[in-house]
Amino acid sequence: MVPHLSEREDSIEHINAMCLHLFNLWCETRSVVPLTYLLGAWPLTNSDPETLRRLGTALRNLRRHHLHDSNDAAFRDVCELSDCVEELLAPSSLSAWAMSSW
């Protein structure tokens, strides 16, 4: 029997799945610039705050500088992914996670 993942682990799995989706999309469309941003911080080597912060920074920079069409599905996906990472990095999430690992 597989134990249920914690809320934090669920969030990490969701983030990885979204990154994989974007990776596949940008590979298919040969979108080199977004791929460069994504691959600078993903795949995640672990779920430490610094690793997530690096991914969040890459996504913010991508949103600011290269994805200007808000009607584009990839832009919406990047925004959702960025929000998920930021939510996971919120101080309340980190303190709750730290307390649960004791």
N, C-alpha and C. Protein backbone atom coordinates (compact mmCIF):
# COMPACT_ATOMS: atom_id res chain seq x y z
N MET A 1 0.84 -1.17 0.00
CA MET A 1 0.00 0.00 0.00
C MET A 1 0.90 1.25 0.00
N VAL A 2 0.57 2.20 -0.86
CA VAL A 2 1.35 3.43 -0.97
C VAL A 2 0.73 4.48 -0.06
N PRO A 3 1.52 5.07 0.83
CA PRO A 3 0.96 6.10 1.71
C PRO A 3 0.63 7.35 0.91
N HIS A 4 -0.35 8.09 1.40
CA HIS A 4 -0.75 9.34 0.76
C HIS A 4 0.37 10.37 0.92
N LEU A 5 0.56 11.14 -0.12
CA LEU A 5 1.58 12.17 -0.06
C LEU A 5 1.09 13.34 0.79
N SER A 6 2.01 14.00 1.42
CA SER A 6 1.65 15.19 2.19
C SER A 6 1.25 16.30 1.22
N GLU A 7 0.67 17.33 1.76
CA GLU A 7 0.25 18.47 0.94
C GLU A 7 1.45 19.08 0.21
N ARG A 8 2.57 19.19 0.89
CA ARG A 8 3.78 19.73 0.27
C ARG A 8 4.27 18.83 -0.86
N GLU A 9 4.28 17.53 -0.64
CA GLU A 9 4.71 16.60 -1.67
C GLU A 9 3.76 16.64 -2.86
N ASP A 10 2.46 16.78 -2.59
CA ASP A 10 1.48 16.93 -3.67
C ASP A 10 1.79 18.17 -4.50
N SER A 11 2.13 19.26 -3.83
CA SER A 11 2.44 20.50 -4.53
C SER A 11 3.69 20.35 -5.38
N ILE A 12 4.71 19.68 -4.85
CA ILE A 12 5.94 19.45 -5.61
C ILE A 12 5.65 18.59 -6.84
N GLU A 13 4.84 17.56 -6.68
CA GLU A 13 4.46 16.71 -7.81
C GLU A 13 3.71 17.51 -8.87
N HIS A 14 2.82 18.39 -8.42
CA HIS A 14 2.06 19.24 -9.35
C HIS A 14 3.00 20.17 -10.11
N ILE A 15 3.94 20.77 -9.40
CA ILE A 15 4.91 21.67 -10.02
C ILE A 15 5.75 20.91 -11.05
N ASN A 16 6.22 19.73 -10.70
CA ASN A 16 7.00 18.92 -11.65
C ASN A 16 6.18 18.54 -12.87
N ALA A 17 4.92 18.19 -12.67
CA ALA A 17 4.05 17.83 -13.79
C ALA A 17 3.83 19.03 -14.72
N MET A 18 3.63 20.20 -14.13
CA MET A 18 3.44 21.40 -14.95
C MET A 18 4.72 21.75 -15.72
N CYS A 19 5.86 21.60 -15.07
CA CYS A 19 7.14 21.85 -15.75
C CYS A 19 7.33 20.88 -16.91
N LEU A 20 7.00 19.63 -16.70
CA LEU A 20 7.12 18.62 -17.75
C LEU A 20 6.20 18.97 -18.93
N HIS A 21 5.00 19.40 -18.62
CA HIS A 21 4.05 19.81 -19.66
C HIS A 21 4.63 20.95 -20.50
N LEU A 22 5.15 21.98 -19.82
CA LEU A 22 5.74 23.12 -20.53
C LEU A 22 6.97 22.70 -21.33
N PHE A 23 7.79 21.85 -20.73
CA PHE A 23 8.97 21.33 -21.42
C PHE A 23 8.56 20.66 -22.74
N ASN A 24 7.59 19.76 -22.67
CA ASN A 24 7.12 19.06 -23.87
C ASN A 24 6.54 20.03 -24.90
N LEU A 25 5.75 20.97 -24.44
CA LEU A 25 5.15 21.96 -25.33
C LEU A 25 6.22 22.78 -26.04
N TRP A 26 7.18 23.28 -25.28
CA TRP A 26 8.22 24.13 -25.87
C TRP A 26 9.19 23.33 -26.72
N CYS A 27 9.38 22.06 -26.42
CA CYS A 27 10.20 21.23 -27.31
C CYS A 27 9.49 21.03 -28.65
N GLU A 28 8.20 20.74 -28.59
CA GLU A 28 7.42 20.53 -29.81
C GLU A 28 7.40 21.77 -30.69
N THR A 29 7.29 22.94 -30.07
CA THR A 29 7.21 24.19 -30.83
C THR A 29 8.58 24.83 -31.05
N ARG A 30 9.62 24.16 -30.55
CA ARG A 30 10.99 24.65 -30.69
C ARG A 30 11.15 26.06 -30.13
N SER A 31 10.54 26.28 -29.00
CA SER A 31 10.62 27.58 -28.31
C SER A 31 11.85 27.58 -27.41
N VAL A 32 12.95 28.02 -27.96
CA VAL A 32 14.24 27.91 -27.29
C VAL A 32 14.36 28.83 -26.08
N VAL A 33 13.88 30.05 -26.18
CA VAL A 33 14.04 31.00 -25.07
C VAL A 33 13.30 30.51 -23.82
N PRO A 34 12.01 30.14 -23.91
CA PRO A 34 11.35 29.63 -22.70
C PRO A 34 12.00 28.37 -22.16
N LEU A 35 12.45 27.49 -23.06
CA LEU A 35 13.14 26.28 -22.63
C LEU A 35 14.41 26.60 -21.85
N THR A 36 15.12 27.62 -22.30
CA THR A 36 16.36 28.02 -21.62
C THR A 36 16.06 28.46 -20.19
N TYR A 37 15.01 29.25 -20.02
CA TYR A 37 14.63 29.68 -18.67
C TYR A 37 14.25 28.48 -17.81
N LEU A 38 13.41 27.62 -18.36
CA LEU A 38 12.93 26.46 -17.60
C LEU A 38 14.08 25.53 -17.22
N LEU A 39 14.94 25.23 -18.17
CA LEU A 39 16.02 24.28 -17.91
C LEU A 39 17.11 24.84 -17.02
N GLY A 40 17.09 26.15 -16.79
CA GLY A 40 18.02 26.74 -15.84
C GLY A 40 17.67 26.40 -14.39
N ALA A 41 16.43 25.95 -14.17
CA ALA A 41 15.98 25.69 -12.80
C ALA A 41 15.24 24.36 -12.65
N TRP A 42 15.01 23.65 -13.71
CA TRP A 42 14.27 22.39 -13.68
C TRP A 42 14.98 21.41 -14.58
N PRO A 43 15.00 20.14 -14.27
CA PRO A 43 14.26 19.41 -13.25
C PRO A 43 14.77 19.75 -11.84
N LEU A 44 13.83 19.66 -10.92
CA LEU A 44 14.15 19.94 -9.52
C LEU A 44 15.02 18.82 -8.98
N THR A 45 16.13 19.19 -8.38
CA THR A 45 17.02 18.18 -7.80
C THR A 45 16.56 17.79 -6.41
N ASN A 46 15.80 18.68 -5.77
CA ASN A 46 15.21 18.42 -4.46
C ASN A 46 14.10 19.45 -4.25
N SER A 47 13.47 19.46 -3.11
CA SER A 47 12.38 20.40 -2.86
C SER A 47 12.76 21.43 -1.80
N ASP A 48 14.05 21.67 -1.66
CA ASP A 48 14.51 22.69 -0.71
C ASP A 48 14.03 24.07 -1.16
N PRO A 49 13.85 24.99 -0.21
CA PRO A 49 13.41 26.34 -0.57
C PRO A 49 14.30 27.03 -1.60
N GLU A 50 15.61 26.84 -1.52
CA GLU A 50 16.51 27.49 -2.48
C GLU A 50 16.27 26.97 -3.90
N THR A 51 16.03 25.70 -4.05
CA THR A 51 15.74 25.11 -5.35
C THR A 51 14.43 25.67 -5.91
N LEU A 52 13.41 25.74 -5.06
CA LEU A 52 12.13 26.30 -5.49
C LEU A 52 12.24 27.78 -5.79
N ARG A 53 13.04 28.50 -5.01
CA ARG A 53 13.26 29.92 -5.24
C ARG A 53 13.89 30.15 -6.62
N ARG A 54 14.84 29.30 -6.98
CA ARG A 54 15.50 29.40 -8.29
C ARG A 54 14.48 29.20 -9.42
N LEU A 55 13.59 28.23 -9.26
CA LEU A 55 12.55 28.00 -10.25
C LEU A 55 11.60 29.19 -10.31
N GLY A 56 11.21 29.70 -9.14
CA GLY A 56 10.32 30.86 -9.09
C GLY A 56 10.92 32.07 -9.78
N THR A 57 12.21 32.29 -9.57
CA THR A 57 12.90 33.42 -10.21
C THR A 57 12.92 33.25 -11.72
N ALA A 58 13.22 32.06 -12.18
CA ALA A 58 13.25 31.79 -13.62
C ALA A 58 11.87 32.03 -14.24
N LEU A 59 10.83 31.59 -13.56
CA LEU A 59 9.47 31.77 -14.09
C LEU A 59 9.06 33.24 -14.09
N ARG A 60 9.41 33.97 -13.03
CA ARG A 60 9.10 35.40 -12.99
C ARG A 60 9.81 36.14 -14.12
N ASN A 61 11.08 35.83 -14.32
CA ASN A 61 11.83 36.47 -15.40
C ASN A 61 11.23 36.14 -16.77
N LEU A 62 10.83 34.91 -16.95
CA LEU A 62 10.19 34.51 -18.20
C LEU A 62 8.89 35.27 -18.41
N ARG A 63 8.09 35.38 -17.36
CA ARG A 63 6.83 36.13 -17.46
C ARG A 63 7.08 37.58 -17.82
N ARG A 64 8.05 38.19 -17.19
CA ARG A 64 8.32 39.61 -17.39
C ARG A 64 8.88 39.93 -18.77
N HIS A 65 9.76 39.09 -19.26
CA HIS A 65 10.55 39.46 -20.43
C HIS A 65 10.19 38.76 -21.73
N HIS A 66 9.50 37.63 -21.66
CA HIS A 66 9.37 36.89 -22.91
C HIS A 66 7.98 36.35 -23.22
N LEU A 67 7.09 36.33 -22.30
CA LEU A 67 5.75 35.81 -22.61
C LEU A 67 4.74 36.95 -22.48
N HIS A 68 4.56 37.68 -23.55
CA HIS A 68 3.74 38.89 -23.49
C HIS A 68 2.28 38.66 -23.87
N ASP A 69 1.97 37.58 -24.53
CA ASP A 69 0.62 37.34 -25.01
C ASP A 69 -0.20 36.64 -23.92
N SER A 70 -1.00 37.42 -23.21
CA SER A 70 -1.76 36.85 -22.09
C SER A 70 -2.87 35.91 -22.55
N ASN A 71 -3.14 35.85 -23.86
CA ASN A 71 -4.14 34.91 -24.38
C ASN A 71 -3.53 33.55 -24.68
N ASP A 72 -2.22 33.47 -24.67
CA ASP A 72 -1.52 32.23 -24.96
C ASP A 72 -1.66 31.25 -23.79
N ALA A 73 -1.98 30.00 -24.10
CA ALA A 73 -2.16 28.99 -23.05
C ALA A 73 -0.86 28.77 -22.28
N ALA A 74 0.28 28.82 -22.95
CA ALA A 74 1.55 28.62 -22.26
C ALA A 74 1.79 29.74 -21.25
N PHE A 75 1.41 30.96 -21.60
CA PHE A 75 1.57 32.08 -20.67
C PHE A 75 0.73 31.84 -19.41
N ARG A 76 -0.49 31.40 -19.60
CA ARG A 76 -1.36 31.10 -18.45
C ARG A 76 -0.78 29.96 -17.61
N ASP A 77 -0.23 28.96 -18.26
CA ASP A 77 0.40 27.85 -17.54
C ASP A 77 1.60 28.32 -16.73
N VAL A 78 2.41 29.20 -17.33
CA VAL A 78 3.57 29.73 -16.62
C VAL A 78 3.11 30.55 -15.42
N CYS A 79 2.06 31.34 -15.59
CA CYS A 79 1.53 32.14 -14.48
C CYS A 79 1.03 31.22 -13.36
N GLU A 80 0.30 30.18 -13.71
CA GLU A 80 -0.21 29.24 -12.71
C GLU A 80 0.95 28.54 -12.00
N LEU A 81 1.93 28.11 -12.76
CA LEU A 81 3.08 27.44 -12.19
C LEU A 81 3.85 28.37 -11.25
N SER A 82 4.04 29.59 -11.68
CA SER A 82 4.73 30.58 -10.86
C SER A 82 3.98 30.82 -9.55
N ASP A 83 2.66 30.92 -9.65
CA ASP A 83 1.84 31.11 -8.45
C ASP A 83 1.96 29.91 -7.50
N CYS A 84 1.99 28.70 -8.05
CA CYS A 84 2.13 27.49 -7.22
C CYS A 84 3.47 27.50 -6.47
N VAL A 85 4.52 27.89 -7.17
CA VAL A 85 5.85 27.93 -6.54
C VAL A 85 5.86 28.99 -5.45
N GLU A 86 5.33 30.16 -5.74
CA GLU A 86 5.31 31.25 -4.75
C GLU A 86 4.48 30.86 -3.53
N GLU A 87 3.38 30.19 -3.76
CA GLU A 87 2.53 29.75 -2.65
C GLU A 87 3.27 28.75 -1.76
N LEU A 88 4.01 27.88 -2.38
CA LEU A 88 4.78 26.89 -1.63
C LEU A 88 5.90 27.54 -0.84
N LEU A 89 6.42 28.65 -1.36
CA LEU A 89 7.51 29.35 -0.68
C LEU A 89 7.02 30.35 0.37
N ALA A 90 5.72 30.56 0.44
CA ALA A 90 5.17 31.50 1.42
C ALA A 90 5.62 31.09 2.82
N PRO A 91 5.94 32.06 3.68
CA PRO A 91 6.44 31.74 5.03
C PRO A 91 5.53 30.80 5.80
N SER A 92 4.23 30.93 5.66
CA SER A 92 3.33 30.05 6.41
C SER A 92 3.46 28.61 5.92
N SER A 93 3.66 28.41 4.62
CA SER A 93 3.84 27.06 4.09
C SER A 93 5.14 26.44 4.59
N LEU A 94 6.20 27.24 4.59
CA LEU A 94 7.49 26.72 5.02
C LEU A 94 7.50 26.37 6.51
N SER A 95 6.88 27.22 7.32
CA SER A 95 6.88 26.93 8.75
C SER A 95 6.01 25.71 9.06
N ALA A 96 4.90 25.57 8.35
CA ALA A 96 4.05 24.39 8.55
C ALA A 96 4.78 23.13 8.12
N TRP A 97 5.51 23.21 7.01
CA TRP A 97 6.27 22.07 6.53
C TRP A 97 7.38 21.71 7.52
N ALA A 98 8.06 22.72 8.04
CA ALA A 98 9.15 22.47 8.99
C ALA A 98 8.62 21.81 10.26
N MET A 99 7.48 22.25 10.72
CA MET A 99 6.90 21.69 11.94
C MET A 99 6.44 20.25 11.71
N SER A 100 5.97 19.95 10.49
CA SER A 100 5.47 18.60 10.25
C SER A 100 6.59 17.59 10.08
N SER A 101 7.80 18.07 9.79
CA SER A 101 8.91 17.13 9.59
C SER A 101 9.61 16.78 10.91
N TRP A 102 9.18 17.33 12.01
CA TRP A 102 9.77 17.00 13.31
C TRP A 102 9.32 15.68 13.78
